Amino acid sequence: MLEPKPEDRRGLDADVAIPLVVDLDGTLLLGDSLVESFSVVLFRKPVAAVAALLAIRDRAAFKRRLAGHALLELADMPWREDLVALLRTERARGRPVHLVTAADQAVADGVAEALGLFDSATGSDGVRNLKGTAKLAHLRERFPDGFLYAGDSPADLPLFAAARGAVLCDVAKRVAGAVARCGTPVLGVLSRPRPGARVWLRALRVHQWSKNVLLFVPLFVGHVFTDPAKVAAAVAGFLVLSLMVSGTYLLNDIADLGADRKHPTKRRRPFASGALPLSLGLVAAPVMIVCAIAAGALLSPDFALMLLIYLALTTAYSLALKREALTDVFVIGCLFTLRVAMGAAVIGLGQSPWLLSFALAFFLSLALAKRHAEVIRAARSDAREIAGRGYTGDDWPLTLVFGVGAGLFSLVIMLLYLTNDASPSGFYRHAAWLYAVPVLMALWLQRIWLLAQRAELNDDPVVFALADPRSLLLGAAVGAAFFVAI
């Protein structure tokens, strides 16, 4: 449980007999329980989400429908810690503390049970939406001798005006000004920094765009990297794909909120931590995805079709396939291979069966390497299973055999290509140098699998390679061998 901070121990400067009424959404909760409920239902029961939207004009009924379908994991929600600490201090001083919220009564009851802070919890009942003037009427009837109020939004202005003291939580300047003009004493101001560009860059996972450099592979192996038009098309495709990828990451983070909040590091992600409003993600993600598909269609119909396939696969992965052992890594391998195929489509080259076969086997091996490291960690910690992934610690021999086997198979495909296609093609004046490529890649795969077996591979292997000096050195050597062969 959270303990009061030293500066909160003195409490509020008001008679402790006056009850403190606390709002939930945006005040105690860093987010909106209605949006949280809708996102849970949308990803788990999409038909129920659509049915609930039919009742959106009746806000109380809408909330009641969503509450009947969504089981929010309230203990893991992002609470305003400084307000929680203040409430504990006030209760210790003997002040009655009550939760009164426009959220459904089921949500209010769950919050009260999760936090153990309130003398009572009251929410909307499916008929009356307990917000604004309706909430004020309820409070005047229940607390005729007055109350203190903690809130955050313009809808709380009537309550601030009627209260005997106010605690302002992230209120806008105009709301703070209105409270000052109405003469209500401001007993506390709790605020957080507004989300800036850095928070959005984290949410969009811009660092993951590095995986999209695979789109440039056909530009080089197809020997068209000196054609300015094709280079420009590849760059445009990279940007469009990156927009799509960021949109799907937003959707994935929204779908994974519950699991992320239980994770020791993922719980700090922008949506899971409450640093970004969930409502913005629910709007931004589809807008980005639609814009990416429209831009992709302008570049190439085949490219746009592959974007749609990418979207379908990532959506299926987020909703279900990531919980299916081995199927999950196969999908990841397919997504990486799709990036290579997109590169050929956007510059107008035909698809190479050799390249796509190699890519699928190679990236399947890398996906298995990352999962193998997680399975090894689970085995060493005697964990029964990896939460939400479908693997147990006893699965490590399986991930090891499949992963190393796929990596070796990818090298065999490359050697067959070099012998039967690349060397006789006439594209390479010094084709012997090409055989350095599978040797160098074998060295890198050995390093990746050694780290995976030691449970020291903590990131996606592609992202890891871009920050690992040894991997960069081997990559430079591969590039040098390719250009010398030309």
Protein backbone atom coordinates (compact mmCIF):
# COMPACT_ATOMS: atom_id res chain seq x y z
CA MET A 1 0.00 0.00 0.00
CA LEU A 2 1.16 3.57 -0.65
CA GLU A 3 2.41 5.57 2.30
CA PRO A 4 1.88 9.31 2.71
CA LYS A 5 4.74 11.51 1.54
CA PRO A 6 6.26 13.69 4.28
CA GLU A 7 4.71 16.85 2.84
CA ASP A 8 1.23 15.22 2.94
CA ARG A 9 1.31 14.17 6.59
CA ARG A 10 0.04 17.53 7.83
CA GLY A 11 -3.18 17.04 5.84
CA LEU A 12 -5.72 19.64 4.74
CA ASP A 13 -6.27 22.93 6.53
CA ALA A 14 -9.94 22.37 7.30
CA ASP A 15 -12.07 21.02 10.15
CA VAL A 16 -11.66 17.21 10.13
CA ALA A 17 -15.39 16.83 10.71
CA ILE A 18 -16.06 18.05 7.17
CA PRO A 19 -16.17 15.02 4.83
CA LEU A 20 -13.84 14.90 1.84
CA VAL A 21 -15.55 13.84 -1.39
CA VAL A 22 -13.28 12.53 -4.13
CA ASP A 23 -13.96 12.19 -7.85
CA LEU A 24 -12.55 9.18 -9.72
CA ASP A 25 -11.79 9.77 -13.40
CA GLY A 26 -8.90 12.18 -13.94
CA THR A 27 -8.73 12.84 -10.20
CA LEU A 28 -7.97 9.70 -8.22
CA LEU A 29 -7.44 7.66 -11.39
CA LEU A 30 -4.88 8.83 -13.95
CA GLY A 31 -7.26 8.10 -16.77
CA ASP A 32 -10.93 7.47 -17.43
CA SER A 33 -12.60 4.29 -16.21
CA LEU A 34 -15.27 4.55 -18.95
CA VAL A 35 -12.63 4.62 -21.70
CA GLU A 36 -10.76 1.80 -19.95
CA SER A 37 -13.95 -0.28 -19.81
CA PHE A 38 -14.74 0.40 -23.46
CA SER A 39 -11.22 -0.61 -24.58
CA VAL A 40 -11.42 -3.86 -22.61
CA VAL A 41 -14.78 -4.76 -24.16
CA LEU A 42 -13.66 -3.62 -27.63
CA PHE A 43 -10.72 -6.03 -27.71
CA ARG A 44 -12.32 -8.93 -25.86
CA LYS A 45 -15.96 -8.70 -26.95
CA PRO A 46 -16.16 -6.40 -30.00
CA VAL A 47 -19.83 -7.26 -30.68
CA ALA A 48 -20.74 -6.25 -27.13
CA ALA A 49 -18.80 -2.99 -27.58
CA VAL A 50 -20.81 -2.13 -30.69
CA ALA A 51 -24.06 -3.03 -28.91
CA ALA A 52 -23.12 -0.80 -25.97
CA LEU A 53 -22.49 2.12 -28.35
CA LEU A 54 -26.15 1.98 -29.35
CA ALA A 55 -26.97 3.22 -25.85
CA ILE A 56 -24.33 5.97 -25.78
CA ARG A 57 -26.91 8.78 -25.69
CA ASP A 58 -28.04 7.48 -22.30
CA ARG A 59 -24.72 7.81 -20.49
CA ALA A 60 -25.79 5.97 -17.37
CA ALA A 61 -27.15 3.03 -19.36
CA PHE A 62 -24.02 3.02 -21.54
CA LYS A 63 -21.81 2.80 -18.46
CA ARG A 64 -23.95 0.07 -16.97
CA ARG A 65 -23.69 -2.03 -20.16
CA LEU A 66 -19.92 -1.67 -20.31
CA ALA A 67 -19.52 -2.44 -16.62
CA GLY A 68 -21.43 -5.66 -17.16
CA HIS A 69 -18.89 -6.82 -19.74
CA ALA A 70 -15.58 -5.29 -18.62
CA LEU A 71 -13.74 -6.66 -15.64
CA LEU A 72 -11.22 -3.91 -14.90
CA GLU A 73 -8.17 -5.02 -12.94
CA LEU A 74 -8.47 -2.10 -10.57
CA ALA A 75 -5.65 -3.04 -8.21
CA ASP A 76 -3.14 -2.41 -11.03
CA MET A 77 -4.62 0.84 -12.34
CA PRO A 78 -2.50 4.03 -12.40
CA TRP A 79 -3.62 5.93 -9.32
CA ARG A 80 -2.63 9.49 -8.44
CA GLU A 81 -0.16 8.54 -5.74
CA ASP A 82 0.04 11.95 -4.07
CA LEU A 83 -3.76 12.05 -3.71
CA VAL A 84 -3.84 8.48 -2.37
CA ALA A 85 -1.23 9.48 0.22
CA LEU A 86 -3.28 12.56 1.14
CA LEU A 87 -6.44 10.48 1.57
CA ARG A 88 -4.61 8.11 3.91
CA THR A 89 -3.43 11.05 5.95
CA GLU A 90 -6.94 12.52 6.17
CA ARG A 91 -8.45 9.20 7.25
CA ALA A 92 -5.75 8.85 9.89
CA ARG A 93 -6.73 12.31 11.17
CA GLY A 94 -10.34 11.14 11.46
CA ARG A 95 -11.85 12.83 8.41
CA PRO A 96 -14.62 10.88 6.59
CA VAL A 97 -13.57 10.21 2.98
CA HIS A 98 -16.13 9.33 0.30
CA LEU A 99 -15.83 8.36 -3.36
CA VAL A 100 -18.57 9.88 -5.50
CA THR A 101 -18.13 9.33 -9.23
CA ALA A 102 -19.98 9.38 -12.52
CA ALA A 103 -18.55 5.91 -13.20
CA ASP A 104 -20.94 2.99 -12.78
CA GLN A 105 -21.62 1.74 -9.26
CA ALA A 106 -19.85 -1.54 -10.05
CA VAL A 107 -16.68 0.41 -10.84
CA ALA A 108 -17.03 2.54 -7.71
CA ASP A 109 -17.42 -0.58 -5.56
CA GLY A 110 -14.37 -2.16 -7.19
CA VAL A 111 -12.25 0.94 -6.56
CA ALA A 112 -13.31 1.08 -2.92
CA GLU A 113 -12.41 -2.58 -2.47
CA ALA A 114 -9.07 -2.22 -4.27
CA LEU A 115 -7.85 0.82 -2.34
CA GLY A 116 -9.56 0.45 1.04
CA LEU A 117 -9.67 4.23 1.47
CA PHE A 118 -13.34 5.18 1.57
CA ASP A 119 -16.15 5.28 4.08
CA SER A 120 -18.55 4.92 1.13
CA ALA A 121 -18.48 4.70 -2.65
CA THR A 122 -21.29 5.96 -4.86
CA GLY A 123 -21.54 5.83 -8.65
CA SER A 124 -24.06 6.04 -11.47
CA ASP A 125 -26.87 3.50 -11.14
CA GLY A 126 -27.79 2.84 -14.76
CA VAL A 127 -30.55 5.47 -14.66
CA ARG A 128 -28.95 8.59 -13.18
CA ASN A 129 -25.56 9.79 -14.48
CA LEU A 130 -23.89 11.13 -11.34
CA LYS A 131 -22.04 14.03 -12.93
CA GLY A 132 -22.10 17.82 -12.71
CA THR A 133 -25.38 19.18 -11.33
CA ALA A 134 -26.72 15.65 -10.64
CA LYS A 135 -23.69 14.95 -8.45
CA LEU A 136 -24.08 18.31 -6.72
CA ALA A 137 -27.73 17.58 -5.88
CA HIS A 138 -26.69 14.22 -4.44
CA LEU A 139 -23.94 15.78 -2.30
CA ARG A 140 -26.18 18.56 -0.96
CA GLU A 141 -28.76 15.99 0.07
CA ARG A 142 -26.21 13.66 1.63
CA PHE A 143 -23.92 16.26 3.25
CA PRO A 144 -26.18 19.18 4.23
CA ASP A 145 -23.48 20.61 6.52
CA GLY A 146 -20.99 20.90 3.66
CA PHE A 147 -18.16 18.95 2.13
CA LEU A 148 -14.66 19.31 0.68
CA TYR A 149 -14.24 18.28 -2.93
CA ALA A 150 -11.33 16.88 -4.96
CA GLY A 151 -11.87 17.03 -8.72
CA ASP A 152 -10.24 17.81 -12.03
CA SER A 153 -12.56 18.89 -14.83
CA PRO A 154 -14.81 21.78 -15.93
CA ALA A 155 -17.80 19.54 -15.11
CA ASP A 156 -16.71 19.82 -11.46
CA LEU A 157 -17.07 23.62 -11.33
CA PRO A 158 -20.55 23.54 -9.70
CA LEU A 159 -19.15 21.21 -7.03
CA PHE A 160 -16.07 23.36 -6.41
CA ALA A 161 -18.33 26.41 -6.07
CA ALA A 162 -20.56 24.66 -3.51
CA ALA A 163 -17.73 23.06 -1.54
CA ARG A 164 -16.22 24.42 1.66
CA GLY A 165 -12.76 23.65 0.30
CA ALA A 166 -11.26 22.34 -2.95
CA VAL A 167 -8.41 20.04 -3.92
CA LEU A 168 -7.52 20.73 -7.55
CA CYS A 169 -6.05 17.85 -9.56
CA ASP A 170 -4.50 18.73 -12.94
CA VAL A 171 -7.13 21.40 -13.55
CA ALA A 172 -6.85 23.73 -16.54
CA LYS A 173 -6.00 27.38 -15.87
CA ARG A 174 -9.51 28.53 -16.67
CA VAL A 175 -10.96 26.05 -14.17
CA ALA A 176 -8.50 27.17 -11.49
CA GLY A 177 -9.45 30.78 -12.27
CA ALA A 178 -13.17 30.01 -11.97
CA VAL A 179 -12.60 28.34 -8.59
CA ALA A 180 -10.67 31.37 -7.38
CA ARG A 181 -13.45 33.73 -8.52
CA CYS A 182 -16.17 31.77 -6.72
CA GLY A 183 -14.30 32.20 -3.42
CA THR A 184 -13.90 28.53 -2.47
CA PRO A 185 -10.69 28.03 -0.45
CA VAL A 186 -8.14 25.95 -2.41
CA LEU A 187 -6.74 23.48 0.12
CA GLY A 188 -4.40 21.68 -2.25
CA VAL A 189 -3.16 21.64 -5.83
CA LEU A 190 -1.92 18.35 -7.26
CA SER A 191 -0.47 18.40 -10.75
CA ARG A 192 1.66 16.38 -13.16
CA PRO A 193 3.68 17.52 -16.19
CA ARG A 194 1.67 17.60 -19.40
CA PRO A 195 2.62 14.80 -21.82
CA GLY A 196 5.22 16.10 -24.26
CA ALA A 197 6.89 14.89 -27.42
CA ARG A 198 9.10 12.45 -25.53
CA VAL A 199 6.09 10.61 -24.13
CA TRP A 200 4.53 10.35 -27.58
CA LEU A 201 7.79 9.09 -29.09
CA ARG A 202 7.83 6.34 -26.46
CA ALA A 203 4.22 5.42 -27.22
CA LEU A 204 4.87 5.36 -30.97
CA ARG A 205 7.96 3.15 -30.38
CA VAL A 206 10.02 5.17 -32.84
CA HIS A 207 13.09 3.09 -31.93
CA GLN A 208 11.27 0.08 -33.39
CA TRP A 209 11.32 1.74 -36.82
CA SER A 210 14.84 0.30 -37.09
CA LYS A 211 13.21 -3.03 -38.04
CA ASN A 212 11.76 -1.36 -41.12
CA VAL A 213 15.22 -0.96 -42.69
CA LEU A 214 14.54 -4.48 -43.99
CA LEU A 215 12.41 -2.75 -46.61
CA PHE A 216 15.67 -1.56 -48.25
CA VAL A 217 17.07 -5.09 -48.67
CA PRO A 218 15.51 -5.66 -52.15
CA LEU A 219 16.92 -2.29 -53.23
CA PHE A 220 20.44 -3.68 -52.77
CA VAL A 221 20.08 -7.36 -53.64
CA GLY A 222 18.09 -6.28 -56.72
CA HIS A 223 21.03 -4.01 -57.76
CA VAL A 224 18.84 -0.89 -58.20
CA PHE A 225 20.30 1.20 -55.37
CA THR A 226 21.74 3.67 -57.92
CA ASP A 227 18.28 4.50 -59.34
CA PRO A 228 17.09 7.75 -57.63
CA ALA A 229 13.41 7.03 -58.33
CA LYS A 230 13.57 3.60 -56.71
CA VAL A 231 15.54 4.95 -53.75
CA ALA A 232 12.89 7.65 -53.27
CA ALA A 233 10.12 5.04 -53.48
CA ALA A 234 11.89 2.89 -50.88
CA VAL A 235 12.28 5.87 -48.52
CA ALA A 236 8.59 6.74 -48.94
CA GLY A 237 7.65 3.12 -48.27
CA PHE A 238 9.81 3.12 -45.14
CA LEU A 239 7.99 6.19 -43.78
CA VAL A 240 4.54 4.80 -44.63
CA LEU A 241 5.35 1.44 -43.05
CA SER A 242 6.71 3.20 -39.95
CA LEU A 243 3.44 5.12 -39.62
CA MET A 244 1.52 1.85 -39.87
CA VAL A 245 3.80 0.11 -37.37
CA SER A 246 3.43 2.90 -34.81
CA GLY A 247 -0.35 2.77 -35.18
CA THR A 248 -0.36 -0.97 -34.56
CA TYR A 249 1.91 -0.52 -31.53
CA LEU A 250 -0.63 1.91 -30.07
CA LEU A 251 -3.37 -0.68 -30.58
CA ASN A 252 -1.19 -3.41 -29.09
CA ASP A 253 -0.45 -1.33 -25.98
CA ILE A 254 -4.15 -0.59 -25.51
CA ALA A 255 -5.04 -4.25 -25.92
CA ASP A 256 -2.27 -5.25 -23.47
CA LEU A 257 -3.02 -2.73 -20.71
CA GLY A 258 -3.88 -5.34 -18.09
CA ALA A 259 -0.80 -7.48 -18.74
CA ASP A 260 1.53 -4.47 -19.05
CA ARG A 261 0.45 -3.12 -15.66
CA LYS A 262 1.51 -6.39 -14.04
CA HIS A 263 4.92 -6.32 -15.73
CA PRO A 264 7.86 -4.78 -13.80
CA THR A 265 9.00 -2.56 -16.71
CA LYS A 266 6.08 -2.46 -19.18
CA ARG A 267 3.92 -0.88 -16.49
CA ARG A 268 5.82 2.36 -17.19
CA ARG A 269 4.61 2.51 -20.79
CA PRO A 270 2.67 5.75 -21.53
CA PHE A 271 -0.84 4.27 -21.62
CA ALA A 272 -0.30 1.71 -18.85
CA SER A 273 1.12 4.37 -16.51
CA GLY A 274 -1.52 6.98 -17.29
CA ALA A 275 1.06 9.37 -18.80
CA LEU A 276 -1.04 9.49 -21.98
CA PRO A 277 -4.86 9.47 -22.06
CA LEU A 278 -6.20 6.22 -23.44
CA SER A 279 -8.79 8.14 -25.46
CA LEU A 280 -6.02 9.76 -27.54
CA GLY A 281 -4.61 6.35 -28.39
CA LEU A 282 -8.01 5.02 -29.44
CA VAL A 283 -8.31 7.95 -31.87
CA ALA A 284 -4.69 8.23 -33.04
CA ALA A 285 -4.18 4.53 -33.82
CA PRO A 286 -6.96 4.10 -36.44
CA VAL A 287 -6.19 7.51 -37.98
CA MET A 288 -2.53 6.58 -38.44
CA ILE A 289 -3.39 3.17 -39.86
CA VAL A 290 -5.93 4.55 -42.36
CA CYS A 291 -3.50 7.27 -43.48
CA ALA A 292 -0.73 4.69 -43.93
CA ILE A 293 -2.93 2.43 -46.09
CA ALA A 294 -4.10 5.38 -48.21
CA ALA A 295 -0.52 6.58 -48.73
CA GLY A 296 0.59 3.02 -49.48
CA ALA A 297 -2.06 2.72 -52.19
CA LEU A 298 -0.64 5.84 -53.87
CA LEU A 299 2.83 4.26 -53.89
CA SER A 300 1.82 0.79 -55.10
CA PRO A 301 -1.35 -1.34 -54.95
CA ASP A 302 0.74 -4.41 -54.06
CA PHE A 303 2.43 -2.46 -51.27
CA ALA A 304 -0.97 -1.36 -49.90
CA LEU A 305 -2.21 -4.98 -50.02
CA MET A 306 0.81 -6.08 -47.99
CA LEU A 307 0.12 -3.30 -45.48
CA LEU A 308 -3.38 -4.74 -45.04
CA ILE A 309 -1.92 -8.22 -44.55
CA TYR A 310 0.53 -6.78 -42.01
CA LEU A 311 -2.36 -5.11 -40.17
CA ALA A 312 -4.41 -8.33 -40.13
CA LEU A 313 -1.49 -10.36 -38.80
CA THR A 314 -0.54 -7.85 -36.10
CA THR A 315 -4.16 -7.53 -35.01
CA ALA A 316 -4.57 -11.30 -34.82
CA TYR A 317 -1.30 -11.49 -32.92
CA SER A 318 -2.35 -8.84 -30.39
CA LEU A 319 -5.80 -10.34 -29.84
CA ALA A 320 -4.99 -14.05 -29.69
CA LEU A 321 -1.98 -15.50 -31.49
CA LYS A 322 0.63 -14.13 -29.08
CA ARG A 323 -0.77 -16.51 -26.48
CA GLU A 324 -0.29 -19.56 -28.73
CA ALA A 325 3.12 -21.15 -28.16
CA LEU A 326 5.24 -21.45 -31.34
CA THR A 327 2.46 -19.94 -33.47
CA ASP A 328 3.44 -16.57 -32.00
CA VAL A 329 7.04 -16.77 -33.21
CA PHE A 330 5.95 -18.00 -36.65
CA VAL A 331 3.75 -14.89 -36.99
CA ILE A 332 6.66 -12.68 -35.93
CA GLY A 333 8.84 -14.35 -38.58
CA CYS A 334 6.12 -13.70 -41.17
CA LEU A 335 5.90 -10.02 -40.17
CA PHE A 336 9.64 -9.56 -40.65
CA THR A 337 9.48 -11.36 -43.99
CA LEU A 338 6.59 -9.12 -45.05
CA ARG A 339 8.86 -6.11 -44.57
CA VAL A 340 11.27 -7.55 -47.13
CA ALA A 341 8.40 -8.32 -49.53
CA MET A 342 7.10 -4.77 -49.11
CA GLY A 343 10.49 -3.43 -50.15
CA ALA A 344 10.29 -5.31 -53.45
CA ALA A 345 6.67 -4.24 -54.02
CA VAL A 346 7.20 -0.52 -53.38
CA ILE A 347 10.13 -0.28 -55.86
CA GLY A 348 8.41 -2.44 -58.46
CA LEU A 349 10.65 -5.52 -58.36
CA GLY A 350 9.40 -9.09 -58.56
CA GLN A 351 9.45 -11.20 -55.41
CA SER A 352 12.46 -13.51 -55.05
CA PRO A 353 11.55 -16.99 -53.70
CA TRP A 354 15.15 -17.37 -52.53
CA LEU A 355 15.09 -14.13 -50.56
CA LEU A 356 11.67 -14.72 -49.00
CA SER A 357 12.49 -18.33 -48.06
CA PHE A 358 15.75 -17.23 -46.44
CA ALA A 359 14.03 -14.35 -44.62
CA LEU A 360 11.27 -16.51 -43.17
CA ALA A 361 13.70 -19.13 -41.82
CA PHE A 362 16.17 -16.52 -40.56
CA PHE A 363 13.62 -14.35 -38.77
CA LEU A 364 11.82 -17.37 -37.35
CA SER A 365 15.15 -18.28 -35.74
CA LEU A 366 15.53 -14.77 -34.30
CA ALA A 367 11.97 -14.73 -32.94
CA LEU A 368 12.59 -18.10 -31.30
CA ALA A 369 15.86 -16.78 -29.82
CA LYS A 370 14.05 -14.01 -28.00
CA ARG A 371 11.34 -16.37 -26.76
CA HIS A 372 13.98 -18.97 -25.77
CA ALA A 373 15.68 -16.42 -23.52
CA GLU A 374 12.34 -15.79 -21.77
CA VAL A 375 11.69 -19.52 -21.40
CA ILE A 376 15.18 -20.06 -19.94
CA ARG A 377 14.58 -17.29 -17.40
CA ALA A 378 11.27 -18.92 -16.46
CA ALA A 379 12.98 -22.32 -16.07
CA ARG A 380 15.68 -20.87 -13.83
CA SER A 381 13.17 -19.09 -11.63
CA ASP A 382 10.94 -22.18 -11.39
CA ALA A 383 8.09 -20.20 -12.91
CA ARG A 384 5.28 -22.43 -14.11
CA GLU A 385 4.61 -20.32 -17.19
CA ILE A 386 5.40 -17.07 -18.95
CA ALA A 387 2.38 -14.86 -18.26
CA GLY A 388 0.13 -14.51 -21.29
CA ARG A 389 2.50 -16.31 -23.67
CA GLY A 390 1.52 -19.99 -23.54
CA TYR A 391 5.03 -21.25 -22.71
CA THR A 392 6.34 -22.96 -19.59
CA GLY A 393 9.89 -23.23 -18.31
CA ASP A 394 9.98 -26.86 -19.47
CA ASP A 395 9.65 -25.80 -23.12
CA TRP A 396 13.27 -24.68 -23.51
CA PRO A 397 14.46 -27.80 -25.42
CA LEU A 398 11.72 -27.23 -27.98
CA THR A 399 12.50 -23.53 -28.55
CA LEU A 400 16.21 -24.37 -28.73
CA VAL A 401 15.84 -27.13 -31.34
CA PHE A 402 13.38 -25.23 -33.54
CA GLY A 403 15.32 -21.98 -33.27
CA VAL A 404 18.81 -23.29 -34.01
CA GLY A 405 17.38 -25.54 -36.72
CA ALA A 406 15.63 -22.62 -38.45
CA GLY A 407 18.83 -20.56 -38.30
CA LEU A 408 20.91 -23.33 -39.88
CA PHE A 409 18.22 -23.90 -42.52
CA SER A 410 18.35 -20.20 -43.48
CA LEU A 411 22.11 -20.51 -44.06
CA VAL A 412 21.58 -23.58 -46.24
CA ILE A 413 19.06 -21.62 -48.34
CA MET A 414 21.58 -18.81 -48.75
CA LEU A 415 24.35 -21.21 -49.83
CA LEU A 416 22.02 -22.85 -52.37
CA TYR A 417 21.10 -19.42 -53.72
CA LEU A 418 24.72 -18.37 -54.05
CA THR A 419 25.67 -21.58 -55.85
CA ASN A 420 22.66 -21.97 -58.14
CA ASP A 421 21.56 -18.41 -58.81
CA ALA A 422 23.81 -15.55 -57.67
CA SER A 423 27.18 -16.88 -58.93
CA PRO A 424 25.96 -17.82 -62.45
CA SER A 425 23.87 -14.64 -62.82
CA GLY A 426 26.69 -12.41 -64.03
CA PHE A 427 25.74 -9.64 -61.59
CA TYR A 428 28.89 -10.22 -59.55
CA ARG A 429 32.42 -9.83 -60.94
CA HIS A 430 33.97 -11.38 -57.82
CA ALA A 431 31.26 -13.82 -56.74
CA ALA A 432 33.59 -15.73 -54.40
CA TRP A 433 33.37 -12.87 -51.92
CA LEU A 434 29.65 -13.58 -51.52
CA TYR A 435 30.47 -16.75 -49.60
CA ALA A 436 31.80 -14.57 -46.78
CA VAL A 437 28.21 -13.48 -46.12
CA PRO A 438 26.84 -16.82 -44.81
CA VAL A 439 30.04 -17.32 -42.79
CA LEU A 440 29.64 -13.94 -41.08
CA MET A 441 25.92 -14.48 -40.54
CA ALA A 442 26.64 -17.88 -38.99
CA LEU A 443 28.99 -16.18 -36.52
CA TRP A 444 26.27 -13.67 -35.64
CA LEU A 445 23.59 -16.34 -35.20
CA GLN A 446 25.94 -18.24 -32.89
CA ARG A 447 26.33 -15.10 -30.78
CA ILE A 448 22.58 -14.49 -30.64
CA TRP A 449 21.84 -18.07 -29.59
CA LEU A 450 24.63 -18.09 -27.01
CA LEU A 451 23.12 -14.98 -25.40
CA ALA A 452 19.63 -16.51 -25.61
CA GLN A 453 20.76 -19.72 -23.92
CA ARG A 454 22.38 -17.65 -21.15
CA ALA A 455 19.13 -15.61 -20.83
CA GLU A 456 21.12 -12.47 -21.64
CA LEU A 457 19.13 -11.53 -24.75
CA ASN A 458 16.75 -8.91 -23.35
CA ASP A 459 15.52 -7.26 -26.53
CA ASP A 460 14.40 -8.05 -30.04
CA PRO A 461 17.54 -9.42 -31.82
CA VAL A 462 17.22 -6.86 -34.65
CA VAL A 463 17.01 -3.96 -32.19
CA PHE A 464 19.79 -5.55 -30.13
CA ALA A 465 22.03 -5.79 -33.22
CA LEU A 466 21.71 -2.06 -33.94
CA ALA A 467 23.12 -1.23 -30.49
CA ASP A 468 25.65 -4.06 -30.16
CA PRO A 469 29.22 -3.21 -31.33
CA ARG A 470 30.06 -6.80 -32.33
CA SER A 471 26.86 -7.11 -34.34
CA LEU A 472 27.52 -3.79 -36.08
CA LEU A 473 31.06 -4.90 -36.92
CA LEU A 474 29.80 -8.16 -38.44
CA GLY A 475 27.10 -6.24 -40.32
CA ALA A 476 29.71 -3.86 -41.76
CA ALA A 477 31.75 -6.87 -42.86
CA VAL A 478 28.71 -8.37 -44.62
CA GLY A 479 28.13 -5.09 -46.44
CA ALA A 480 31.79 -4.86 -47.43
CA ALA A 481 31.81 -8.44 -48.80
CA PHE A 482 28.69 -7.68 -50.86
CA PHE A 483 30.14 -4.55 -52.43
CA VAL A 484 33.53 -6.14 -53.10
CA ALA A 485 31.71 -8.98 -54.88
CA ILE A 486 29.97 -6.44 -57.15
